[in-house]
């Protein structure tokens, strides 16, 4: 009995590691996302039965796929050590909620939308990107705090100086901050600048310095943080996969040291042999 289960477990392990199987799972995830999107069109109402069958088939396939992955683990608890496995299991279990019930129809449809997120857990490159984003958020928080301080100072100045030009844009500090956000995103910011320049000709200095700080300095700082973290996460992923060149060079150096030591022992042995009568 144990031998039969071990053979079945080995088959599940080979199936889980098969690239064709992984590609098929990714295709089914994309299909499930397309099915959910198709249900938002009124013209697809006549295909409601077919779409429901596809949705049921996708749900059953996800249940079978997650069961195979769990059975392929030597120990079941090893499956839950990975956060991505737990995430996939939650998404799959949530997909079991029936759509036909009027009380849960909205929740069920929303949860089916999140099945597209399984692409992240299936594609390693996407996992690296998401990990880099999560790791970089605390560091970007300090840049965002500094940006808020700059926004607040410029909003206070703009509210004091330009309130008489356009009260809708500069009436108070909250409106001024919204206006500055519009300027930082380059949404018709020249119209705002030209309106204030009619009364304050040198007000362009205010806008140019603000854009220089926010759009050029702080934005590039955030991009630099993300790129640095992405590089670090990529190197970590390569190290986990055994593709790190530094680790390869280190192993090669260790082998050379061991080979040199063996050659020294052989040379010493030959010398002692030659000295003996």
Protein backbone atom coordinates (compact mmCIF):
# COMPACT_ATOMS: atom_id res chain seq x y z
CA UNK A 1 0.00 0.00 0.00
CA UNK A 2 2.76 2.42 0.95
CA UNK A 3 4.74 1.46 -2.14
CA UNK A 4 1.74 2.15 -4.39
CA UNK A 5 1.17 5.55 -2.78
CA UNK A 6 4.88 6.38 -3.16
CA UNK A 7 4.70 5.57 -6.87
CA UNK A 8 1.57 7.70 -7.25
CA UNK A 9 3.26 10.52 -5.36
CA UNK A 10 6.30 10.28 -7.66
CA UNK A 11 4.00 10.55 -10.69
CA UNK A 12 2.32 13.62 -9.21
CA UNK A 13 5.74 15.15 -8.58
CA UNK A 14 6.81 14.58 -12.20
CA UNK A 15 3.50 15.99 -13.42
CA UNK A 16 3.84 19.08 -11.22
CA UNK A 17 7.35 19.72 -12.51
CA UNK A 18 6.39 19.20 -16.15
CA UNK A 19 6.67 22.42 -18.17
CA UNK A 20 3.79 21.43 -20.45
CA UNK A 21 1.54 20.95 -17.42
CA UNK A 22 2.58 24.35 -16.04
CA UNK A 23 1.83 25.93 -19.42
CA UNK A 24 -1.58 24.26 -19.51
CA UNK A 25 -2.38 25.54 -16.01
CA UNK A 26 -1.41 29.07 -17.07
CA UNK A 27 -3.67 28.73 -20.14
CA UNK A 28 -6.59 27.67 -17.93
CA UNK A 29 -5.99 30.65 -15.62
CA UNK A 30 -6.11 32.99 -18.62
CA UNK A 31 -9.27 31.22 -19.84
CA UNK A 32 -10.93 31.68 -16.45
CA UNK A 33 -10.15 35.40 -16.54
CA UNK A 34 -11.62 35.65 -20.04
CA UNK A 35 -14.77 33.83 -18.92
CA UNK A 36 -15.26 36.29 -16.06
CA UNK A 37 -14.72 39.21 -18.43
CA UNK A 38 -17.13 37.78 -21.00
CA UNK A 39 -19.93 37.68 -18.42
CA UNK A 40 -19.80 41.48 -18.13
CA UNK A 41 -21.14 41.89 -21.70
CA UNK A 42 -24.88 41.84 -22.29
CA UNK A 43 -24.39 40.24 -25.70
CA UNK A 44 -23.06 37.06 -24.07
CA UNK A 45 -26.30 36.40 -22.16
CA UNK A 46 -27.37 33.83 -24.78
CA UNK A 47 -24.17 31.90 -24.01
CA UNK A 48 -24.84 31.92 -20.27
CA UNK A 49 -25.15 28.13 -20.07
CA UNK A 50 -21.88 27.57 -21.96
CA UNK A 51 -20.04 30.11 -19.81
CA UNK A 52 -21.37 28.45 -16.66
CA UNK A 53 -20.10 25.07 -17.89
CA UNK A 54 -16.69 26.58 -18.60
CA UNK A 55 -16.61 28.18 -15.16
CA UNK A 56 -17.48 24.86 -13.52
CA UNK A 57 -14.85 23.02 -15.57
CA UNK A 58 -12.19 25.59 -14.62
CA UNK A 59 -13.11 25.30 -10.94
CA UNK A 60 -12.88 21.50 -11.04
CA UNK A 61 -9.54 21.68 -12.84
CA UNK A 62 -8.17 24.06 -10.21
CA UNK A 63 -9.30 21.66 -7.49
CA UNK A 64 -7.59 18.75 -9.23
CA UNK A 65 -4.41 20.79 -9.85
CA UNK A 66 -4.10 21.97 -6.24
CA UNK A 67 -4.76 18.40 -5.04
CA UNK A 68 -1.94 17.12 -7.26
CA UNK A 69 0.42 19.72 -5.88
CA UNK A 70 -0.49 18.84 -2.31
CA UNK A 71 -0.16 15.09 -2.95
CA UNK A 72 3.24 15.58 -4.59
CA UNK A 73 4.72 16.92 -1.36
CA UNK A 74 6.61 14.34 0.74
CA UNK A 75 4.92 15.85 3.78
CA UNK A 76 1.64 17.73 3.58
CA UNK A 77 2.84 20.44 5.95
CA UNK A 78 5.63 21.31 3.49
CA UNK A 79 2.93 22.52 1.12
CA UNK A 80 1.81 25.17 3.61
CA UNK A 81 5.34 26.47 4.19
CA UNK A 82 5.09 28.43 0.95
CA UNK A 83 2.94 31.53 1.09
CA UNK A 84 2.16 31.19 -2.61
CA UNK A 85 0.74 27.71 -2.06
CA UNK A 86 -1.51 29.02 0.70
CA UNK A 87 -2.58 31.88 -1.57
CA UNK A 88 -3.47 29.45 -4.38
CA UNK A 89 -5.39 27.22 -1.99
CA UNK A 90 -7.45 30.17 -0.71
CA UNK A 91 -8.27 31.29 -4.26
CA UNK A 92 -9.29 27.77 -5.28
CA UNK A 93 -11.44 27.19 -2.20
CA UNK A 94 -13.09 30.57 -2.69
CA UNK A 95 -13.98 29.58 -6.25
CA UNK A 96 -16.23 26.82 -4.87
CA UNK A 97 -18.75 29.41 -3.65
CA UNK A 98 -21.82 28.95 -5.89
CA UNK A 99 -22.64 31.80 -8.25
CA UNK A 100 -26.32 30.92 -8.54
CA UNK A 101 -27.17 31.93 -4.98
CA UNK A 102 -28.55 35.46 -4.91
CA UNK A 103 -26.94 36.16 -1.53
CA UNK A 104 -23.40 35.30 -2.62
CA UNK A 105 -23.48 36.09 -6.34
CA UNK A 106 -21.52 39.34 -5.99
CA UNK A 107 -18.92 37.85 -3.65
CA UNK A 108 -18.52 34.78 -5.86
CA UNK A 109 -17.99 36.86 -8.98
CA UNK A 110 -15.45 39.08 -7.26
CA UNK A 111 -13.53 36.05 -5.98
CA UNK A 112 -13.48 34.56 -9.47
CA UNK A 113 -11.83 37.75 -10.73
CA UNK A 114 -8.97 37.15 -8.29
CA UNK A 115 -8.25 33.80 -9.92
CA UNK A 116 -6.21 35.76 -12.48
CA UNK A 117 -3.75 36.51 -9.66
CA UNK A 118 -2.70 32.85 -9.79
CA UNK A 119 -0.57 33.83 -12.79
CA UNK A 120 1.78 35.49 -10.30
CA UNK A 121 2.24 32.30 -8.32
CA UNK A 122 2.74 30.23 -11.49
CA UNK A 123 5.30 32.47 -13.24
CA UNK A 124 8.54 32.92 -11.23
CA UNK A 125 9.42 36.22 -12.94
CA UNK A 126 6.14 37.74 -11.79
CA UNK A 127 6.82 36.52 -8.25
CA UNK A 128 10.19 38.28 -8.33
CA UNK A 129 8.52 41.51 -9.48
CA UNK A 130 5.86 41.34 -6.78
CA UNK A 131 8.42 40.53 -4.08
CA UNK A 132 10.50 43.50 -5.22
CA UNK A 133 7.45 45.75 -5.03
CA UNK A 134 6.55 44.59 -1.52
CA UNK A 135 10.13 44.92 -0.26
CA UNK A 136 10.55 48.39 -1.76
CA UNK A 137 7.33 49.81 -0.25
CA UNK A 138 8.88 50.68 3.18
CA UNK A 139 11.80 52.48 1.52
CA UNK A 140 9.50 54.31 -0.87
CA UNK A 141 7.42 55.35 2.13
CA UNK A 142 10.16 57.72 3.28
CA UNK A 143 10.37 59.26 -0.18
CA UNK A 144 6.57 59.63 -0.19
CA UNK A 145 6.74 61.32 3.23
CA UNK A 146 9.32 63.79 1.92
CA UNK A 147 7.14 64.40 -1.14
CA UNK A 148 4.16 65.09 1.13
CA UNK A 149 6.17 67.69 3.03
CA UNK A 150 7.12 69.41 -0.26
CA UNK A 151 3.50 69.23 -1.42
CA UNK A 152 2.30 70.73 1.84
CA UNK A 153 4.78 73.63 1.75
CA UNK A 154 4.04 74.46 -1.89
CA UNK A 155 0.28 74.09 -1.29
CA UNK A 156 0.42 76.53 1.61
CA UNK A 157 2.38 79.04 -0.48
CA UNK A 158 0.03 78.62 -3.44
CA UNK A 159 -3.05 79.03 -1.28
CA UNK A 160 -1.71 82.24 0.27
CA UNK A 161 -0.50 83.81 -2.97
CA UNK A 162 -2.85 82.54 -5.72
CA UNK A 163 -6.18 82.44 -3.87
CA UNK A 164 -7.28 85.66 -5.56
CA UNK A 165 -6.51 84.25 -9.02
CA UNK A 166 -8.70 81.13 -8.85
CA UNK A 167 -10.42 80.23 -5.61
CA UNK A 168 -11.56 76.89 -7.06
CA UNK A 169 -7.93 75.77 -7.48
CA UNK A 170 -6.24 77.60 -4.61
CA UNK A 171 -9.07 78.33 -2.14
CA UNK A 172 -7.55 76.30 0.70
CA UNK A 173 -4.62 74.00 1.30
CA UNK A 174 -6.58 70.86 0.39
CA UNK A 175 -7.62 72.28 -2.99
CA UNK A 176 -4.09 73.56 -3.51
CA UNK A 177 -2.66 70.08 -2.91
CA UNK A 178 -5.08 68.60 -5.45
CA UNK A 179 -4.01 71.28 -7.92
CA UNK A 180 -0.36 70.47 -7.28
CA UNK A 181 -1.08 66.78 -7.86
CA UNK A 182 -2.59 67.78 -11.19
CA UNK A 183 0.55 69.77 -11.96
CA UNK A 184 2.83 66.89 -10.91
CA UNK A 185 1.02 64.59 -13.37
CA UNK A 186 1.33 67.24 -16.13
CA UNK A 187 -2.45 67.41 -16.57
CA UNK A 188 -2.92 70.81 -18.32
CA UNK A 189 -0.52 72.35 -15.81
CA UNK A 190 0.45 75.12 -18.24
CA UNK A 191 -3.13 76.47 -18.15
CA UNK A 192 -2.87 76.82 -14.37
CA UNK A 193 0.52 78.51 -14.69
CA UNK A 194 -0.58 81.00 -17.37
CA UNK A 195 -3.60 82.03 -15.28
CA UNK A 196 -1.39 82.98 -12.34
CA UNK A 197 1.23 84.59 -14.58
CA UNK A 198 -1.32 87.17 -15.71
CA UNK A 199 -1.28 88.57 -12.18
CA UNK A 200 2.15 87.36 -11.03
CA UNK A 201 4.56 87.29 -14.03
CA UNK A 202 7.30 85.48 -12.11
CA UNK A 203 5.03 82.74 -10.77
CA UNK A 204 6.56 80.35 -13.34
CA UNK A 205 9.45 79.94 -10.88
CA UNK A 206 6.97 78.38 -8.43
CA UNK A 207 5.80 75.80 -10.96
CA UNK A 208 9.20 74.97 -12.47
CA UNK A 209 10.84 74.35 -9.10
CA UNK A 210 7.91 72.22 -7.95
CA UNK A 211 7.96 70.07 -11.09
CA UNK A 212 11.74 69.75 -10.87
CA UNK A 213 11.50 68.44 -7.30
CA UNK A 214 8.56 66.09 -7.75
CA UNK A 215 8.72 64.85 -11.34
CA UNK A 216 12.49 64.66 -11.75
CA UNK A 217 14.05 64.11 -8.33
CA UNK A 218 11.52 62.22 -6.20
CA UNK A 219 10.14 60.13 -9.05
CA UNK A 220 13.64 59.05 -10.08
CA UNK A 221 14.43 58.26 -6.45
CA UNK A 222 11.45 55.88 -6.34
CA UNK A 223 12.47 54.30 -9.65
CA UNK A 224 16.01 53.85 -8.33
CA UNK A 225 14.72 52.14 -5.18
CA UNK A 226 12.55 49.74 -7.19
CA UNK A 227 15.40 48.91 -9.59
CA UNK A 228 17.82 48.26 -6.74
CA UNK A 229 15.37 45.98 -4.95
CA UNK A 230 14.52 44.19 -8.22
CA UNK A 231 18.19 43.48 -8.83
CA UNK A 232 18.57 42.15 -5.30
CA UNK A 233 15.48 39.94 -5.63
CA UNK A 234 16.65 38.65 -9.02
CA UNK A 235 20.04 37.68 -7.60
CA UNK A 236 18.31 35.97 -4.68
CA UNK A 237 16.08 34.02 -7.07
CA UNK A 238 19.08 32.97 -9.17
CA UNK A 239 20.88 31.85 -6.02
CA UNK A 240 17.87 29.74 -5.02
CA UNK A 241 17.81 28.18 -8.48
CA UNK A 242 21.56 27.51 -8.36
CA UNK A 243 22.32 29.87 -11.25
CA UNK A 244 24.29 32.46 -9.28
CA UNK A 245 27.64 33.05 -11.03
CA UNK A 246 29.27 34.08 -7.76
CA UNK A 247 28.31 30.77 -6.19
CA UNK A 248 29.63 28.93 -9.25
CA UNK A 249 32.96 30.78 -9.05
CA UNK A 250 33.20 30.07 -5.35
CA UNK A 251 32.58 26.36 -5.91
CA UNK A 252 35.14 26.34 -8.72
CA UNK A 253 37.73 27.95 -6.46
CA UNK A 254 37.05 25.37 -3.76
CA UNK A 255 37.53 22.56 -6.26
CA UNK A 256 40.81 24.12 -7.43
CA UNK A 257 42.04 24.38 -3.83
CA UNK A 258 41.18 20.73 -3.20
CA UNK A 259 42.88 19.69 -6.45
CA UNK A 260 45.98 21.67 -5.50
CA UNK A 261 46.08 20.00 -2.10
CA UNK A 262 45.83 16.56 -3.70
CA UNK A 263 48.64 17.42 -6.12
CA UNK A 264 50.80 18.57 -3.21
CA UNK A 265 50.20 15.27 -1.40
CA UNK A 266 51.08 13.29 -4.56
CA UNK A 267 54.23 15.36 -5.02
CA UNK A 268 55.25 14.80 -1.41
CA UNK A 269 54.60 11.07 -1.75
CA UNK A 270 56.75 10.89 -4.91
CA UNK A 271 59.61 12.74 -3.20
CA UNK A 272 59.52 10.39 -0.24
CA UNK A 273 59.49 7.42 -2.63
CA UNK A 274 62.53 8.72 -4.51
CA UNK A 275 64.48 9.33 -1.29
CA UNK A 276 63.90 5.84 0.02
CA UNK A 277 66.70 3.27 -0.86
